[in-house]
Amino acid sequence: MNFNDIYWHDSYLEEITFGTSLHSDERVFKIKVSCPDGMNLVIIFEGYYSVNINLNGWYSGKDTIVEANEEVVKVVNNNKEYEIKKYTFITCSGRFEVIANGFQVITEN
């Protein structure tokens, strides 16, 4: 599934969790969203490098995703240049960004 093909607009951000995987030391960042078409998705960013969250806690009501996109960014580590992906989410209460190798989508009903 292509990240930018998911219909993000007006989806509800239900949950954000992060930690390590149950089966390894790999770090996992996960969001749950409910889409306007009734689909419930779990998006898992495995082996993320960075997460930047700036959401206002005072926002009342369900946090709606206004826009989300994926872009390739270049980073330099130990004088080597790498291309990785940056996922940006803009919501009614703020924004968050995830830099990771990729993502996986799980559909819940």
C-alpha atoms as a PDB file:
ATOM      1  CA  MET A   1       0.000   0.000   0.000  1.00  0.00           C
ATOM      2  CA  ASN A   2       1.313   3.437  -0.912  1.00  0.00           C
ATOM      3  CA  PHE A   3       1.275   5.840   2.052  1.00  0.00           C
ATOM      4  CA  ASN A   4       0.199   8.838  -0.013  1.00  0.00           C
ATOM      5  CA  ASP A   5      -2.725   6.862  -1.497  1.00  0.00           C
ATOM      6  CA  ILE A   6      -4.385   6.394   1.909  1.00  0.00           C
ATOM      7  CA  TYR A   7      -7.303   8.782   2.347  1.00  0.00           C
ATOM      8  CA  TRP A   8      -6.049  10.569   5.448  1.00  0.00           C
ATOM      9  CA  HIS A   9      -8.231  13.691   5.387  1.00  0.00           C
ATOM     10  CA  ASP A  10     -10.934  13.587   8.087  1.00  0.00           C
ATOM     11  CA  SER A  11      -9.587  10.352   9.578  1.00  0.00           C
ATOM     12  CA  TYR A  12      -9.565  10.284  13.383  1.00  0.00           C
ATOM     13  CA  LEU A  13      -6.299   9.795  15.236  1.00  0.00           C
ATOM     14  CA  GLU A  14      -7.346   7.241  17.854  1.00  0.00           C
ATOM     15  CA  GLU A  15      -4.034   6.252  19.451  1.00  0.00           C
ATOM     16  CA  ILE A  16      -0.281   6.799  19.363  1.00  0.00           C
ATOM     17  CA  THR A  17       2.074   4.257  20.954  1.00  0.00           C
ATOM     18  CA  PHE A  18       5.782   3.614  20.778  1.00  0.00           C
ATOM     19  CA  GLY A  19       8.287   1.285  22.355  1.00  0.00           C
ATOM     20  CA  THR A  20      10.179  -1.862  21.518  1.00  0.00           C
ATOM     21  CA  SER A  21       8.830  -4.877  19.669  1.00  0.00           C
ATOM     22  CA  LEU A  22       7.796  -7.898  21.731  1.00  0.00           C
ATOM     23  CA  HIS A  23      10.099 -10.163  19.732  1.00  0.00           C
ATOM     24  CA  SER A  24      13.220  -7.990  19.381  1.00  0.00           C
ATOM     25  CA  ASP A  25      14.896  -4.804  20.487  1.00  0.00           C
ATOM     26  CA  GLU A  26      13.617  -2.993  17.392  1.00  0.00           C
ATOM     27  CA  ARG A  27      11.829   0.244  18.149  1.00  0.00           C
ATOM     28  CA  VAL A  28       8.217   0.501  16.975  1.00  0.00           C
ATOM     29  CA  PHE A  29       6.008   3.596  16.564  1.00  0.00           C
ATOM     30  CA  LYS A  30       2.343   2.842  15.949  1.00  0.00           C
ATOM     31  CA  ILE A  31      -0.774   4.893  15.260  1.00  0.00           C
ATOM     32  CA  LYS A  32      -4.395   3.819  15.048  1.00  0.00           C
ATOM     33  CA  VAL A  33      -6.770   5.757  12.839  1.00  0.00           C
ATOM     34  CA  SER A  34     -10.426   5.407  11.930  1.00  0.00           C
ATOM     35  CA  CYS A  35     -11.125   6.477   8.352  1.00  0.00           C
ATOM     36  CA  PRO A  36     -14.269   8.197   7.040  1.00  0.00           C
ATOM     37  CA  ASP A  37     -15.106   5.090   4.977  1.00  0.00           C
ATOM     38  CA  GLY A  38     -15.384   2.994   8.166  1.00  0.00           C
ATOM     39  CA  MET A  39     -11.970   1.320   7.873  1.00  0.00           C
ATOM     40  CA  ASN A  40      -9.808   1.141  10.992  1.00  0.00           C
ATOM     41  CA  LEU A  41      -6.082   1.115  10.284  1.00  0.00           C
ATOM     42  CA  VAL A  42      -3.021   0.451  12.380  1.00  0.00           C
ATOM     43  CA  ILE A  43       0.094   1.994  10.850  1.00  0.00           C
ATOM     44  CA  ILE A  44       3.342   0.552  12.196  1.00  0.00           C
ATOM     45  CA  PHE A  45       6.658   2.312  11.630  1.00  0.00           C
ATOM     46  CA  GLU A  46       9.295  -0.286  12.472  1.00  0.00           C
ATOM     47  CA  GLY A  47      12.862   0.714  13.228  1.00  0.00           C
ATOM     48  CA  TYR A  48      12.063   4.412  13.343  1.00  0.00           C
ATOM     49  CA  TYR A  49      14.957   6.823  13.728  1.00  0.00           C
ATOM     50  CA  SER A  50      13.128   9.864  15.026  1.00  0.00           C
ATOM     51  CA  VAL A  51       9.691  10.979  16.171  1.00  0.00           C
ATOM     52  CA  ASN A  52       8.763  14.621  16.683  1.00  0.00           C
ATOM     53  CA  ILE A  53       5.358  15.154  18.305  1.00  0.00           C
ATOM     54  CA  ASN A  54       3.833  18.584  18.808  1.00  0.00           C
ATOM     55  CA  LEU A  55       0.181  18.069  19.727  1.00  0.00           C
ATOM     56  CA  ASN A  56      -1.776  20.386  22.000  1.00  0.00           C
ATOM     57  CA  GLY A  57      -3.152  18.499  24.993  1.00  0.00           C
ATOM     58  CA  TRP A  58      -5.932  21.027  25.543  1.00  0.00           C
ATOM     59  CA  TYR A  59      -7.710  20.075  22.304  1.00  0.00           C
ATOM     60  CA  SER A  60     -11.133  18.626  23.139  1.00  0.00           C
ATOM     61  CA  GLY A  61     -12.831  16.087  20.920  1.00  0.00           C
ATOM     62  CA  LYS A  62     -11.399  13.576  18.501  1.00  0.00           C
ATOM     63  CA  ASP A  63      -8.224  14.696  16.780  1.00  0.00           C
ATOM     64  CA  THR A  64      -8.795  14.741  13.028  1.00  0.00           C
ATOM     65  CA  ILE A  65      -5.991  14.242  10.522  1.00  0.00           C
ATOM     66  CA  VAL A  66      -6.038  17.143   8.084  1.00  0.00           C
ATOM     67  CA  GLU A  67      -3.135  15.983   5.931  1.00  0.00           C
ATOM     68  CA  ALA A  68      -0.458  13.287   5.866  1.00  0.00           C
ATOM     69  CA  ASN A  69       2.372  12.692   3.433  1.00  0.00           C
ATOM     70  CA  GLU A  70       5.506  10.679   2.847  1.00  0.00           C
ATOM     71  CA  GLU A  71       8.711  12.084   1.402  1.00  0.00           C
ATOM     72  CA  VAL A  72      12.249  10.828   0.908  1.00  0.00           C
ATOM     73  CA  VAL A  73      14.900  12.749   2.846  1.00  0.00           C
ATOM     74  CA  LYS A  74      18.678  12.477   2.849  1.00  0.00           C
ATOM     75  CA  VAL A  75      20.612  12.150   6.103  1.00  0.00           C
ATOM     76  CA  VAL A  76      24.331  11.956   6.747  1.00  0.00           C
ATOM     77  CA  ASN A  77      25.763   9.610   9.368  1.00  0.00           C
ATOM     78  CA  ASN A  78      29.482   8.902   9.748  1.00  0.00           C
ATOM     79  CA  ASN A  79      30.143  10.730   6.479  1.00  0.00           C
ATOM     80  CA  LYS A  80      27.741   8.438   4.579  1.00  0.00           C
ATOM     81  CA  GLU A  81      24.599   9.729   2.944  1.00  0.00           C
ATOM     82  CA  TYR A  82      21.388   7.718   3.281  1.00  0.00           C
ATOM     83  CA  GLU A  83      17.888   8.120   1.896  1.00  0.00           C
ATOM     84  CA  ILE A  84      15.111   7.416   4.369  1.00  0.00           C
ATOM     85  CA  LYS A  85      11.452   8.360   4.587  1.00  0.00           C
ATOM     86  CA  LYS A  86       9.785  11.123   6.553  1.00  0.00           C
ATOM     87  CA  TYR A  87       6.088  10.828   7.344  1.00  0.00           C
ATOM     88  CA  THR A  88       4.351  14.062   8.341  1.00  0.00           C
ATOM     89  CA  PHE A  89       0.898  14.234   9.917  1.00  0.00           C
ATOM     90  CA  ILE A  90      -0.981  17.501  10.409  1.00  0.00           C
ATOM     91  CA  THR A  91      -3.939  17.267  12.764  1.00  0.00           C
ATOM     92  CA  CYS A  92      -6.431  19.676  14.293  1.00  0.00           C
ATOM     93  CA  SER A  93      -4.324  19.818  17.457  1.00  0.00           C
ATOM     94  CA  GLY A  94      -0.852  20.061  15.895  1.00  0.00           C
ATOM     95  CA  ARG A  95       1.528  17.852  13.973  1.00  0.00           C
ATOM     96  CA  PHE A  96       3.925  14.938  14.276  1.00  0.00           C
ATOM     97  CA  GLU A  97       6.683  13.539  12.097  1.00  0.00           C
ATOM     98  CA  VAL A  98       8.204  10.083  11.916  1.00  0.00           C
ATOM     99  CA  ILE A  99      11.509   9.268  10.218  1.00  0.00           C
ATOM    100  CA  ALA A 100      11.703   5.546   9.473  1.00  0.00           C
ATOM    101  CA  ASN A 101      12.693   2.955   6.903  1.00  0.00           C
ATOM    102  CA  GLY A 102       9.091   2.242   6.037  1.00  0.00           C
ATOM    103  CA  PHE A 103       5.694   1.269   7.370  1.00  0.00           C
ATOM    104  CA  GLN A 104       3.197  -1.552   7.511  1.00  0.00           C
ATOM    105  CA  VAL A 105      -0.608  -1.253   7.445  1.00  0.00           C
ATOM    106  CA  ILE A 106      -2.913  -3.556   9.360  1.00  0.00           C
ATOM    107  CA  THR A 107      -6.654  -3.313   8.724  1.00  0.00           C
ATOM    108  CA  GLU A 108      -8.971  -3.806  11.703  1.00  0.00           C
ATOM    109  CA  ASN A 109     -12.730  -4.151  11.498  1.00  0.00           C
END
